[in-house]
Amino acid sequence: MASYLEKLLPVMSKIPSVRGPKKHVHFKKKILWTIGVLALYFILTNVPLFGLGESIDIFSYYRAILAGQQGSLMQLGIGPIVDAGIVLQLLSGSGLLSLDLNDPKDQYIYQTFQKFLVIIFCFVMAVPQIYGGFLAPNQAVAQTLGIPVFGIRLLLLAQIVVGGLIIMYLDEIVSKWGIGSGVSLFIVAGVSQQIIQGLIYWKIPSVGLQLPVGVIPKLFHIFVTYPVNQLLSLQGLSFLLLRGGLLAIASTIIIFAVVIYCESTRVEIPLSHGNVRGARGRYPIKLIYASVLPIILVRALIANIQLMGLMLWNSNLPLIGSNAFIGEYVGQTPIGGIAYYFSSINGPQDWIPSLAQQQLAQMGVAIGTGQIALHIICYLSFFIIGSVAFSIFWIRTTGMAPEDVAQQISSSGMQIPGFRRNINVMKKVLAKYIPKVTIIGGLILGVIAALSNFLGTLGNATGTGILLTVGILYKLYEEIAEEQLMEMYPSIRNLFS
């Protein structure tokens, strides 16, 4: 496939890119670039789509990790980037995309192809939302401008695609001029916003139980409205846990604690410099070695399955259109078929039989306990297996495999004490740890992310979103510490490059 990409390179090379720095960027400038991009991102999430009428948010449960805002220029969020990443992971993992990322030419081909895929996915994700009836054009705007409705649809499509491309370039700016990655930064911003809203937002929704959205005003309202003896009963305590938000608070705190513990657990390989006596170091192999980004890919894959299932259910295609076996929906909610069994669980109301049956009964749907149990098994299996698989693909395509790490250590002049300074020897030593830790870490990550979704979280940020936020913030802290260390000791910069 690499040969085909080289033939497409003259076309793909026309895609603009952000120029990287020609010399070292000072730490303070990196901080300023990162803060500036984050501020611009928040501004763009408040720029509404011109010409948009009524809309249905088909990614409502995924907004936090997709870092998008419904009805704004950031409608797609990081969705196209994540989908392009999934395709690249699958192509690389299957061996179809055989590129040596240590070779500057192959690295350029890889990055250019990734941008090309992002542009394609901007259209792939935008077109179904506009022409599938999820983003309706505003009839009044069409009449005022004197243009047909399809013209407004094209205008909406152009705005959404441009927004997706802006996200791509903001991510590239952070990667080259800032600290960390833009994708991670936007996820943290989206999840943090939802957590804060889930904690202090006082607005009462127009539908459902008439309680404020935020947990603090919600608990205040409950304790003022209900007598204490009623709240201390078994039913009252259940109400406080599930409806009052106490379980969501506990779940959020537990996730923070568990992820921080897992991030700090590591195996350290001792290193020494081959030419400088006394120069020693350690290469850490963390329990969550592949980072939390594989969870983004799993979650995005589930979101795409739901999107395709909803589109097929609303279509008139032969055999697969409106096929209850593939997926049956009431509004946006899957109630049967493959789409239901692989849909996300986002709180106790989705898996506790009495609550799940009550919720679906309000839609006129009856569901058995066996179906709920099968939903739990399918969701857990898919999430955990997907986490392990993407963790393996991730280290293979991001220079974290044993052979890549051995090359990095050797090129920095370091070696493992007690072993010959040979890349193959280092590779064998690292191969004893990295593959096993990757699988175990991916398994633990999948279990934490899946089970945390069962308990519910503050602001419906989802357990996955909070897990990602904690992991990203921890990694960002380490990167900031590395940047400060390199500013103080420029001679060790080659070790981290």
Protein backbone atom coordinates (compact mmCIF):
# COMPACT_ATOMS: atom_id res chain seq x y z
CA MET A 1 0.00 0.00 0.00
CA ALA A 2 2.95 2.30 0.58
CA SER A 3 3.60 2.35 -3.18
CA TYR A 4 0.04 3.54 -3.81
CA LEU A 5 0.49 6.30 -1.25
CA GLU A 6 3.64 7.46 -3.01
CA LYS A 7 1.63 7.78 -6.22
CA LEU A 8 -1.00 9.83 -4.38
CA LEU A 9 1.64 11.95 -2.68
CA PRO A 10 1.62 14.74 -5.33
CA VAL A 11 -2.09 15.22 -4.61
CA MET A 12 -1.94 14.80 -0.83
CA SER A 13 1.08 17.11 -0.55
CA LYS A 14 -1.15 20.00 -1.66
CA ILE A 15 -2.84 19.86 1.75
CA PRO A 16 -1.52 22.81 3.83
CA SER A 17 0.37 22.03 7.00
CA VAL A 18 1.61 23.95 10.01
CA ARG A 19 5.29 24.78 9.72
CA GLY A 20 7.29 23.30 12.56
CA PRO A 21 9.88 25.27 14.53
CA LYS A 22 13.39 25.38 13.06
CA LYS A 23 14.98 25.65 16.47
CA HIS A 24 14.13 24.80 20.04
CA VAL A 25 10.98 26.48 21.36
CA HIS A 26 11.36 27.83 24.87
CA PHE A 27 9.15 26.32 27.56
CA LYS A 28 7.33 29.61 28.25
CA LYS A 29 6.47 30.00 24.56
CA LYS A 30 5.12 26.45 24.46
CA ILE A 31 2.87 27.24 27.43
CA LEU A 32 1.62 30.41 25.72
CA TRP A 33 0.89 28.54 22.46
CA THR A 34 -1.01 25.84 24.38
CA ILE A 35 -3.09 28.36 26.35
CA GLY A 36 -3.79 30.38 23.19
CA VAL A 37 -5.05 27.33 21.28
CA LEU A 38 -7.24 26.30 24.24
CA ALA A 39 -8.76 29.80 24.45
CA LEU A 40 -9.45 29.78 20.69
CA TYR A 41 -11.07 26.36 21.00
CA PHE A 42 -13.49 27.62 23.68
CA ILE A 43 -14.34 30.63 21.52
CA LEU A 44 -15.10 28.41 18.51
CA THR A 45 -17.38 26.14 20.59
CA ASN A 46 -19.57 29.21 21.09
CA VAL A 47 -19.78 30.13 17.39
CA PRO A 48 -23.20 28.81 16.24
CA LEU A 49 -23.77 27.26 12.83
CA PHE A 50 -25.43 29.84 10.61
CA GLY A 51 -28.68 28.59 9.10
CA LEU A 52 -29.25 25.75 11.59
CA GLY A 53 -32.83 24.99 12.63
CA GLU A 54 -33.86 22.12 14.89
CA SER A 55 -31.19 19.53 15.60
CA ILE A 56 -30.78 16.11 17.18
CA ASP A 57 -27.52 15.40 18.95
CA ILE A 58 -26.69 11.83 17.95
CA PHE A 59 -23.39 12.03 19.87
CA SER A 60 -24.84 13.38 23.12
CA TYR A 61 -23.22 10.63 25.23
CA TYR A 62 -19.88 11.08 23.44
CA ARG A 63 -19.64 14.88 23.47
CA ALA A 64 -17.09 14.97 26.29
CA ILE A 65 -14.55 12.68 24.64
CA LEU A 66 -15.25 13.91 21.10
CA ALA A 67 -14.58 17.45 22.35
CA GLY A 68 -17.34 18.93 20.21
CA GLN A 69 -20.25 21.25 20.85
CA GLN A 70 -23.67 20.57 19.34
CA GLY A 71 -24.83 23.25 16.92
CA SER A 72 -21.49 25.07 16.88
CA LEU A 73 -18.58 25.32 14.49
CA MET A 74 -16.99 22.53 16.57
CA GLN A 75 -19.87 20.16 15.75
CA LEU A 76 -17.56 17.28 14.80
CA GLY A 77 -14.95 17.88 17.48
CA ILE A 78 -12.01 15.48 17.24
CA GLY A 79 -14.22 12.81 15.63
CA PRO A 80 -12.54 12.95 12.17
CA ILE A 81 -9.06 12.83 13.73
CA VAL A 82 -9.98 9.84 15.88
CA ASP A 83 -11.61 7.98 12.97
CA ALA A 84 -8.55 8.62 10.81
CA GLY A 85 -6.45 7.27 13.67
CA ILE A 86 -8.56 4.10 13.81
CA VAL A 87 -8.05 3.50 10.09
CA LEU A 88 -4.30 4.08 10.36
CA GLN A 89 -4.10 1.77 13.37
CA LEU A 90 -5.91 -1.01 11.51
CA LEU A 91 -3.81 -0.55 8.35
CA SER A 92 -0.56 -0.51 10.33
CA GLY A 93 -1.55 -3.39 12.58
CA SER A 94 -2.52 -5.57 9.61
CA GLY A 95 0.77 -4.80 7.84
CA LEU A 96 -0.92 -3.11 4.86
CA LEU A 97 0.71 0.21 5.71
CA SER A 98 4.36 -0.75 5.91
CA LEU A 99 6.09 2.54 6.58
CA ASP A 100 9.27 3.11 8.57
CA LEU A 101 8.42 6.07 10.79
CA ASN A 102 12.11 6.59 11.55
CA ASP A 103 12.62 7.46 7.88
CA PRO A 104 11.77 11.17 7.30
CA LYS A 105 10.24 10.38 3.89
CA ASP A 106 7.94 7.65 5.25
CA GLN A 107 7.10 9.85 8.21
CA TYR A 108 6.02 12.63 5.84
CA ILE A 109 3.89 10.16 3.83
CA TYR A 110 2.25 8.93 7.04
CA GLN A 111 1.42 12.43 8.30
CA THR A 112 0.14 13.58 4.90
CA PHE A 113 -2.04 10.48 4.53
CA GLN A 114 -3.43 11.09 8.01
CA LYS A 115 -4.50 14.62 7.04
CA PHE A 116 -6.03 13.27 3.85
CA LEU A 117 -8.08 10.79 5.88
CA VAL A 118 -9.17 13.52 8.32
CA ILE A 119 -10.56 15.58 5.44
CA ILE A 120 -12.44 12.55 4.11
CA PHE A 121 -13.91 11.80 7.54
CA CYS A 122 -15.00 15.43 7.94
CA PHE A 123 -17.36 14.83 5.02
CA VAL A 124 -18.20 11.26 6.07
CA MET A 125 -19.37 12.48 9.50
CA ALA A 126 -21.00 15.72 8.35
CA VAL A 127 -23.05 14.50 5.38
CA PRO A 128 -25.18 11.93 7.32
CA GLN A 129 -25.97 14.49 10.02
CA ILE A 130 -27.16 17.09 7.52
CA TYR A 131 -28.89 14.91 4.94
CA GLY A 132 -30.05 12.30 7.48
CA GLY A 133 -32.34 14.81 9.18
CA PHE A 134 -30.27 15.29 12.36
CA LEU A 135 -29.32 18.89 11.53
CA ALA A 136 -32.31 20.58 9.92
CA PRO A 137 -31.85 23.83 7.93
CA ASN A 138 -33.64 26.93 9.15
CA GLN A 139 -36.53 27.65 6.77
CA ALA A 140 -36.76 31.30 7.88
CA VAL A 141 -33.11 31.93 7.02
CA ALA A 142 -33.61 30.37 3.58
CA GLN A 143 -36.59 32.64 2.90
CA THR A 144 -34.76 35.72 4.17
CA LEU A 145 -31.75 35.06 1.95
CA GLY A 146 -33.95 34.01 -0.97
CA ILE A 147 -32.13 30.71 -1.53
CA PRO A 148 -33.51 27.15 -1.62
CA VAL A 149 -33.24 24.84 1.38
CA PHE A 150 -30.54 22.71 -0.24
CA GLY A 151 -28.40 25.86 -0.38
CA ILE A 152 -28.64 26.17 3.42
CA ARG A 153 -27.70 22.49 3.71
CA LEU A 154 -24.58 23.11 1.62
CA LEU A 155 -23.77 26.12 3.80
CA LEU A 156 -24.10 24.00 6.94
CA LEU A 157 -21.92 21.29 5.38
CA ALA A 158 -19.22 23.84 4.54
CA GLN A 159 -19.22 25.27 8.08
CA ILE A 160 -19.01 21.83 9.73
CA VAL A 161 -16.18 20.67 7.46
CA VAL A 162 -14.25 23.91 8.02
CA GLY A 163 -14.71 23.46 11.76
CA GLY A 164 -13.31 19.93 11.52
CA LEU A 165 -10.28 21.20 9.60
CA ILE A 166 -9.71 23.97 12.15
CA ILE A 167 -9.58 21.33 14.89
CA MET A 168 -7.03 19.37 12.82
CA TYR A 169 -4.75 22.40 12.46
CA LEU A 170 -5.16 23.43 16.10
CA ASP A 171 -4.04 19.92 17.05
CA GLU A 172 -1.02 20.28 14.75
CA ILE A 173 -0.11 23.65 16.28
CA VAL A 174 -0.11 22.20 19.79
CA SER A 175 1.90 19.15 18.68
CA LYS A 176 4.61 21.29 17.03
CA TRP A 177 4.62 24.48 19.07
CA GLY A 178 2.94 23.62 22.37
CA ILE A 179 2.96 20.86 24.98
CA GLY A 180 1.19 17.53 24.52
CA SER A 181 -1.37 17.16 21.76
CA GLY A 182 -4.39 19.20 20.78
CA VAL A 183 -6.65 16.14 20.81
CA SER A 184 -5.82 15.46 24.46
CA LEU A 185 -6.12 19.14 25.35
CA PHE A 186 -9.61 19.43 23.85
CA ILE A 187 -10.78 16.25 25.60
CA VAL A 188 -9.67 17.65 28.96
CA ALA A 189 -11.44 20.93 28.19
CA GLY A 190 -14.72 19.21 27.23
CA VAL A 191 -14.77 16.79 30.16
CA SER A 192 -13.78 19.45 32.70
CA GLN A 193 -16.57 21.70 31.49
CA GLN A 194 -19.13 18.92 31.94
CA ILE A 195 -17.82 18.01 35.41
CA ILE A 196 -18.06 21.62 36.58
CA GLN A 197 -21.58 21.93 35.18
CA GLY A 198 -22.52 18.62 36.81
CA LEU A 199 -21.28 19.93 40.13
CA ILE A 200 -22.66 23.49 40.36
CA TYR A 201 -25.18 24.09 37.50
CA TRP A 202 -28.48 25.20 39.04
CA LYS A 203 -30.79 25.00 35.98
CA ILE A 204 -33.79 22.65 36.22
CA PRO A 205 -34.38 20.69 32.96
CA SER A 206 -37.78 20.89 31.30
CA VAL A 207 -38.11 17.11 31.11
CA GLY A 208 -37.58 14.31 33.61
CA LEU A 209 -37.30 14.66 37.37
CA GLN A 210 -37.65 18.31 38.38
CA LEU A 211 -34.29 18.69 40.07
CA PRO A 212 -31.34 21.00 39.25
CA VAL A 213 -28.61 19.61 37.00
CA GLY A 214 -25.70 20.24 39.37
CA VAL A 215 -25.20 17.91 42.32
CA ILE A 216 -24.66 20.67 44.90
CA PRO A 217 -27.87 22.62 44.08
CA LYS A 218 -29.66 19.28 43.60
CA LEU A 219 -28.77 18.06 47.10
CA PHE A 220 -29.68 21.46 48.55
CA HIS A 221 -33.09 21.27 46.84
CA ILE A 222 -33.65 17.69 48.10
CA PHE A 223 -32.76 18.45 51.74
CA VAL A 224 -34.96 21.56 51.72
CA THR A 225 -37.91 19.78 50.07
CA TYR A 226 -37.92 16.31 51.69
CA PRO A 227 -38.03 15.53 55.44
CA VAL A 228 -34.87 14.00 56.95
CA ASN A 229 -36.59 10.84 58.23
CA GLN A 230 -37.84 10.10 54.71
CA LEU A 231 -34.33 10.53 53.25
CA LEU A 232 -32.83 8.22 55.88
CA SER A 233 -35.11 5.35 54.85
CA LEU A 234 -33.88 2.65 52.45
CA GLN A 235 -35.86 4.19 49.59
CA GLY A 236 -34.62 7.66 50.53
CA LEU A 237 -30.97 6.58 50.58
CA SER A 238 -31.43 4.92 47.18
CA PHE A 239 -32.93 8.19 45.93
CA LEU A 240 -29.94 10.17 47.23
CA LEU A 241 -27.47 7.77 45.66
CA LEU A 242 -29.04 7.47 42.21
CA ARG A 243 -31.07 10.65 41.74
CA GLY A 244 -29.28 12.92 44.18
CA GLY A 245 -25.88 12.34 42.58
CA LEU A 246 -23.99 10.90 45.57
CA LEU A 247 -23.08 7.78 43.56
CA ALA A 248 -21.81 9.99 40.71
CA ILE A 249 -19.56 11.92 43.13
CA ALA A 250 -18.20 8.71 44.65
CA SER A 251 -17.62 7.19 41.19
CA THR A 252 -15.74 10.27 40.02
CA ILE A 253 -13.46 10.30 43.08
CA ILE A 254 -12.78 6.55 42.81
CA ILE A 255 -11.84 6.86 39.12
CA PHE A 256 -9.43 9.69 39.90
CA ALA A 257 -7.74 7.68 42.65
CA VAL A 258 -7.50 4.40 40.69
CA VAL A 259 -6.14 6.00 37.52
CA ILE A 260 -3.53 8.04 39.42
CA TYR A 261 -2.40 4.84 41.17
CA CYS A 262 -2.20 2.94 37.87
CA GLU A 263 -0.31 5.79 36.21
CA SER A 264 2.28 5.81 39.00
CA THR A 265 2.81 2.01 38.86
CA ARG A 266 5.71 1.14 36.60
CA VAL A 267 8.69 -1.09 35.87
CA GLU A 268 11.96 0.84 35.52
CA ILE A 269 14.79 -0.41 33.30
CA PRO A 270 18.16 0.90 34.60
CA LEU A 271 20.32 2.73 32.05
CA SER A 272 23.89 3.97 32.02
CA HIS A 273 25.82 6.09 29.52
CA GLY A 274 28.37 4.19 27.47
CA ASN A 275 30.90 7.05 27.32
CA VAL A 276 30.18 9.18 30.39
CA ARG A 277 31.06 7.42 33.63
CA GLY A 278 28.51 7.92 36.39
CA ALA A 279 25.74 9.08 34.04
CA ARG A 280 22.76 6.91 34.87
CA GLY A 281 19.05 6.92 34.24
CA ARG A 282 15.96 4.76 34.03
CA TYR A 283 13.48 3.96 31.29
CA PRO A 284 10.00 3.70 32.86
CA ILE A 285 7.51 1.15 31.51
CA LYS A 286 4.24 2.27 33.08
CA LEU A 287 1.35 -0.08 33.82
CA ILE A 288 -0.77 1.98 31.41
CA TYR A 289 2.05 1.88 28.86
CA ALA A 290 -0.02 2.67 25.77
CA SER A 291 -1.55 5.71 27.54
CA VAL A 292 -5.31 6.28 27.59
CA LEU A 293 -5.65 7.14 23.89
CA PRO A 294 -6.70 3.58 22.85
CA ILE A 295 -9.84 4.13 24.95
CA ILE A 296 -10.69 7.09 22.69
CA LEU A 297 -10.49 4.79 19.69
CA VAL A 298 -12.75 2.18 21.31
CA ARG A 299 -15.30 4.79 22.34
CA ALA A 300 -15.24 6.39 18.89
CA LEU A 301 -15.77 2.98 17.28
CA ILE A 302 -18.86 2.42 19.46
CA ALA A 303 -20.14 5.88 18.48
CA ASN A 304 -19.71 5.08 14.79
CA ILE A 305 -21.57 1.77 15.21
CA GLN A 306 -24.49 3.67 16.75
CA LEU A 307 -24.40 6.30 14.01
CA MET A 308 -24.49 3.67 11.26
CA GLY A 309 -27.21 1.71 13.05
CA LEU A 310 -29.40 4.82 13.42
CA MET A 311 -28.88 5.78 9.78
CA LEU A 312 -29.77 2.29 8.57
CA TRP A 313 -32.87 2.17 10.78
CA ASN A 314 -34.08 5.45 9.25
CA SER A 315 -33.24 4.38 5.69
CA ASN A 316 -35.19 2.47 3.05
CA LEU A 317 -32.26 0.42 1.79
CA PRO A 318 -33.13 -3.17 0.82
CA LEU A 319 -32.34 -5.86 3.43
CA ILE A 320 -30.28 -3.62 5.75
CA GLY A 321 -32.66 -0.64 5.94
CA SER A 322 -35.07 -0.63 8.94
CA ASN A 323 -33.72 -4.05 9.88
CA ALA A 324 -34.52 -4.80 13.54
CA PHE A 325 -31.73 -7.40 13.69
CA ILE A 326 -29.11 -4.73 12.91
CA GLY A 327 -30.64 -2.16 15.23
CA GLU A 328 -34.05 -0.93 16.32
CA TYR A 329 -34.45 2.60 17.64
CA VAL A 330 -36.98 4.84 19.36
CA GLY A 331 -35.78 8.33 18.53
CA GLN A 332 -32.02 8.10 19.16
CA THR A 333 -32.21 5.31 21.72
CA PRO A 334 -31.38 1.74 20.61
CA ILE A 335 -33.93 -0.73 21.97
CA GLY A 336 -33.06 -3.91 20.10
CA GLY A 337 -30.78 -5.68 17.66
CA ILE A 338 -27.00 -5.57 17.44
CA ALA A 339 -26.98 -1.79 17.98
CA TYR A 340 -28.63 -2.22 21.40
CA TYR A 341 -26.30 -4.96 22.65
CA PHE A 342 -23.21 -2.95 21.70
CA SER A 343 -24.53 0.44 22.82
CA SER A 344 -22.87 2.32 25.66
CA ILE A 345 -23.89 1.93 29.28
CA ASN A 346 -23.87 5.38 30.85
CA GLY A 347 -25.18 4.85 34.35
CA PRO A 348 -27.28 2.60 36.62
CA GLN A 349 -30.39 3.37 34.57
CA ASP A 350 -28.93 1.37 31.66
CA TRP A 351 -28.09 -1.89 33.45
CA ILE A 352 -30.08 -2.26 36.69
CA PRO A 353 -33.09 -4.27 35.42
CA SER A 354 -35.80 -2.33 37.26
CA LEU A 355 -34.41 1.06 36.21
CA ALA A 356 -33.67 0.00 32.61
CA GLN A 357 -37.12 -1.55 32.19
CA GLN A 358 -38.76 1.54 33.68
CA GLN A 359 -36.82 3.84 31.36
CA LEU A 360 -37.72 1.83 28.23
CA ALA A 361 -41.33 1.41 29.41
CA GLN A 362 -41.71 5.20 29.13
CA MET A 363 -40.97 4.73 25.40
CA GLY A 364 -43.53 1.96 25.13
CA VAL A 365 -40.87 -0.77 24.98
CA ALA A 366 -40.81 -3.97 27.07
CA ILE A 367 -37.46 -5.65 27.61
CA GLY A 368 -36.49 -8.79 29.52
CA THR A 369 -33.81 -9.25 32.19
CA GLY A 370 -31.98 -11.68 29.89
CA GLN A 371 -31.66 -9.02 27.19
CA ILE A 372 -30.23 -6.57 29.73
CA ALA A 373 -27.72 -9.21 30.91
CA LEU A 374 -26.67 -9.91 27.31
CA HIS A 375 -26.26 -6.16 26.76
CA ILE A 376 -23.90 -5.99 29.76
CA ILE A 377 -21.84 -8.97 28.55
CA CYS A 378 -21.54 -7.70 24.95
CA TYR A 379 -20.63 -4.18 26.03
CA LEU A 380 -18.00 -5.31 28.55
CA SER A 381 -16.47 -7.83 26.14
CA PHE A 382 -16.30 -5.35 23.27
CA PHE A 383 -14.85 -2.58 25.41
CA ILE A 384 -12.20 -4.69 27.14
CA ILE A 385 -11.08 -6.65 24.05
CA GLY A 386 -11.05 -3.43 22.02
CA SER A 387 -8.92 -1.70 24.64
CA VAL A 388 -6.31 -4.48 24.56
CA ALA A 389 -6.28 -4.64 20.75
CA PHE A 390 -5.91 -0.89 20.27
CA SER A 391 -3.20 -0.76 22.97
CA ILE A 392 -1.15 -3.28 20.98
CA PHE A 393 -1.75 -1.40 17.70
CA TRP A 394 -0.93 1.89 19.41
CA ILE A 395 2.56 0.93 20.60
CA ARG A 396 3.33 -0.59 17.19
CA THR A 397 2.54 2.63 15.34
CA THR A 398 3.83 5.29 17.74
CA GLY A 399 7.42 4.17 18.28
CA MET A 400 6.79 2.45 21.62
CA ALA A 401 7.46 -1.15 20.57
CA PRO A 402 10.60 -2.92 21.97
CA GLU A 403 12.60 -2.45 18.75
CA ASP A 404 11.71 1.28 18.60
CA VAL A 405 12.60 1.90 22.23
CA ALA A 406 15.87 -0.02 21.83
CA GLN A 407 16.78 2.22 18.88
CA GLN A 408 15.94 5.38 20.87
CA ILE A 409 18.04 4.28 23.86
CA SER A 410 20.97 3.29 21.66
CA SER A 411 20.93 6.54 19.69
CA SER A 412 21.02 8.54 22.94
CA GLY A 413 24.26 6.80 23.94
CA MET A 414 22.67 4.88 26.81
CA GLN A 415 22.79 1.15 27.47
CA ILE A 416 21.44 -1.40 29.95
CA PRO A 417 24.10 -2.14 32.62
CA GLY A 418 25.37 -5.71 32.51
CA PHE A 419 24.54 -6.16 28.81
CA ARG A 420 26.49 -5.47 25.65
CA ARG A 421 25.72 -2.19 23.90
CA ASN A 422 23.78 -3.86 21.12
CA ILE A 423 20.33 -2.96 19.80
CA ASN A 424 19.27 -6.60 19.48
CA VAL A 425 20.28 -7.32 23.08
CA MET A 426 18.32 -4.29 24.32
CA LYS A 427 15.37 -5.35 22.21
CA LYS A 428 15.32 -8.80 23.84
CA VAL A 429 15.43 -7.30 27.34
CA LEU A 430 12.64 -4.82 26.59
CA ALA A 431 10.57 -7.52 24.85
CA LYS A 432 10.33 -9.34 28.19
CA TYR A 433 8.36 -6.44 29.65
CA ILE A 434 6.71 -4.17 27.06
CA PRO A 435 4.30 -6.64 25.32
CA LYS A 436 3.12 -8.12 28.64
CA VAL A 437 2.67 -4.73 30.31
CA THR A 438 0.82 -3.44 27.22
CA ILE A 439 -1.71 -6.27 27.34
CA ILE A 440 -2.17 -6.09 31.12
CA GLY A 441 -2.44 -2.29 31.02
CA GLY A 442 -4.96 -2.39 28.16
CA LEU A 443 -7.02 -4.96 30.07
CA ILE A 444 -7.02 -2.90 33.27
CA LEU A 445 -7.79 0.28 31.34
CA GLY A 446 -10.75 -1.37 29.58
CA VAL A 447 -12.15 -2.74 32.84
CA ILE A 448 -11.85 0.62 34.62
CA ALA A 449 -13.40 2.54 31.72
CA ALA A 450 -16.27 0.09 31.22
CA LEU A 451 -17.16 -0.42 34.88
CA SER A 452 -16.92 3.29 35.69
CA ASN A 453 -19.58 3.95 33.06
CA PHE A 454 -21.89 1.65 35.04
CA LEU A 455 -21.86 3.93 38.09
CA GLY A 456 -22.46 7.24 36.34
CA THR A 457 -20.38 10.39 36.75
CA LEU A 458 -20.66 14.10 37.42
CA GLY A 459 -22.21 15.99 34.51
CA ASN A 460 -22.65 12.76 32.50
CA ALA A 461 -19.01 13.15 31.52
CA THR A 462 -18.94 9.30 31.46
CA GLY A 463 -16.40 7.17 33.27
CA THR A 464 -14.42 6.95 30.04
CA GLY A 465 -14.23 10.74 29.81
CA ILE A 466 -13.02 11.14 33.39
CA LEU A 467 -10.52 8.30 32.99
CA LEU A 468 -9.15 9.97 29.87
CA THR A 469 -8.97 13.35 31.61
CA VAL A 470 -7.03 12.00 34.60
CA GLY A 471 -4.64 10.06 32.36
CA ILE A 472 -4.09 13.01 30.04
CA LEU A 473 -3.51 15.45 32.91
CA TYR A 474 -1.03 13.05 34.50
CA LYS A 475 0.82 12.68 31.19
CA LEU A 476 0.73 16.46 30.67
CA TYR A 477 2.25 16.93 34.12
CA GLU A 478 5.09 14.55 33.20
CA GLU A 479 5.67 16.32 29.86
CA ILE A 480 5.81 19.72 31.60
CA ALA A 481 8.34 18.29 34.08
CA GLU A 482 10.43 16.95 31.16
CA GLU A 483 10.30 20.32 29.39
CA GLN A 484 11.47 22.11 32.53
CA LEU A 485 14.24 19.55 33.01
CA MET A 486 15.44 20.03 29.42
CA GLU A 487 15.45 23.80 29.89
CA MET A 488 17.76 23.41 32.88
CA TYR A 489 19.93 20.67 31.31
CA PRO A 490 19.96 21.07 27.49
CA SER A 491 22.49 18.26 27.11
CA ILE A 492 19.88 15.60 27.96
CA ARG A 493 17.44 16.88 25.33
CA ASN A 494 18.49 14.16 22.86
CA LEU A 495 17.28 11.48 25.27
CA PHE A 496 13.67 12.77 25.02
CA SER A 497 13.70 13.67 21.32
